[in-house]
Amino acid sequence: QQLTTSNQQPSSPMLIPLRTDSPLRHTPYMNWALIATNVIVYAVTMAHPDITLRYGLSPRQPQLYQFFTYQFLHGSILHLVGNMLFLYIFGNNVNDRLGNLGYIAFYLAGGVFAGISYVILSGGDTPMVGASGSIAAVTGAYLVLLPRSNVTIVYFYILIGTAEIASLWFILFFFIYDVYLNFTGHDQVAHTAHIGGTLFGFITCAVLLTLHLLPRDQFDAVALIQRWNKRRQYRDMVSKGYNPFEYTQAEAVRRGGKPPPLPDPRTARVMELRSAVSDAVASHDLDRAANLYVELKTADPQQALPRQQQLDVANHLAAQQRFPQAAEAYETFIQQYPKYEQLEHVELMLGLIYARYLNQPDRARDYLTRAASKFHTGRELEMAREELSRLGPGGQTVPLPPQPGKWL
């Protein structure tokens, strides 16, 4: 009997994800367990092919258990490998954000909803197998939780190569492609399951964030939309004549009080510089933003920018080799945003600057030790340990020449 699978369309322009740039804060044990389970189940079905037909999801007479069992069955080794690759790339971070119990409940619920979508909308009688209804829910969740991350891909279409693109566009591409093929294609791929799973993941995580049932982040999709809406409302008010700095005598009389004193020139200058830095960052003029930030800190050393702006400016000052100013900007960032999810990267960068360029071994040792205690594996941990070894228990450092490379 023929099976409908939930894998991606083989004849489509092939975009294979390799990794994302979103670091993990916890080990994604549940996602690894799901991958292992899928592999084990596939090995069992190779010896007993009848399992696939019996436990696949039948759209004509679906059994309750089939909404769960179909998620762990695959029609071929390529079907399995493709699904597990997507699950590994995107599932690790979603597992990290939802926790192990929350993630497995979400994963299975996404698969059930994808199965319901297939049963209602497929209009056929071919049983469906495959994990990508559940994985589509995971990518929908990823779209909400980490919309500003990037994914490195290998592409096979006329040319072969690698590229780094925004995960937002990568996930939306596959979603739109599924919608297109659902109406025009005649393949054995359950596009309705993909569509239903993606919508489930996106809507569920958006609701959980809005209700504060998931930890919020200022770079999740809900926060980005809220800030965009506030900026839109503010621009509309200004375009209609609203002046946020104006307090006329007539308005004071109408309210029955006296107008407040005008801000002193220093305060007005600080406000002007903060606005100018924001505009420069928004227009990607980081040279100007860095110069304005230095001027802002001269005018008021207590000032700090919004989180991403502060980090962007600190990174750019470091890239310009303006290390005293970069160190100050990173210090301000750590003081203002101690719960930043990638704080160990900032501490590592600050430790390297103090060790290699500012000859402050005690401060360098402090930040490098903090960073090393938070990294578990990888190049960053090796870098922190090597620099601590070079510093020694209490000796002075030898400044190194500037080294090109990526900043945070």
Foldseek 3Di string as FASTA:
>chain_A
DDAFEAADDPVPFDKAFDAWPDDFQDFLVLLVVLLVQLVVVAVVCVVVVVCQVVLFAWLPDGDPNSLQSLQSDDDDPVLSVRQSRLSVRQVRVVCRFLPNVRSVVLLSVQSSQLSVLCSVPVPDGHTYHYNLLSSLLSLLLCCQAPQAMKTWIWTDDPDTDIDIDGSNCVSVVRLVVLVVCVVPNDDSHRSSSSNRSNVSNNVVNLVCVVVVVTPDDCRGPNNVVVVVVVVVVVVVCVVVPDDPQDDDQVNQVVVPHGDDDHDDPLVVVLVVLLVVLVVCVVVVVLVVNLVSVVVNCVSPVLDAHPQVSLQSSLQVCVQVVVLVSSLSSLVNNCVVCVPPPPNLLSLLVNLCSCQAPVFNNVSSLVSLVVSLVSDDDDDSNVSSVVSDVQSPPDHTHDHDPDDDDGGD
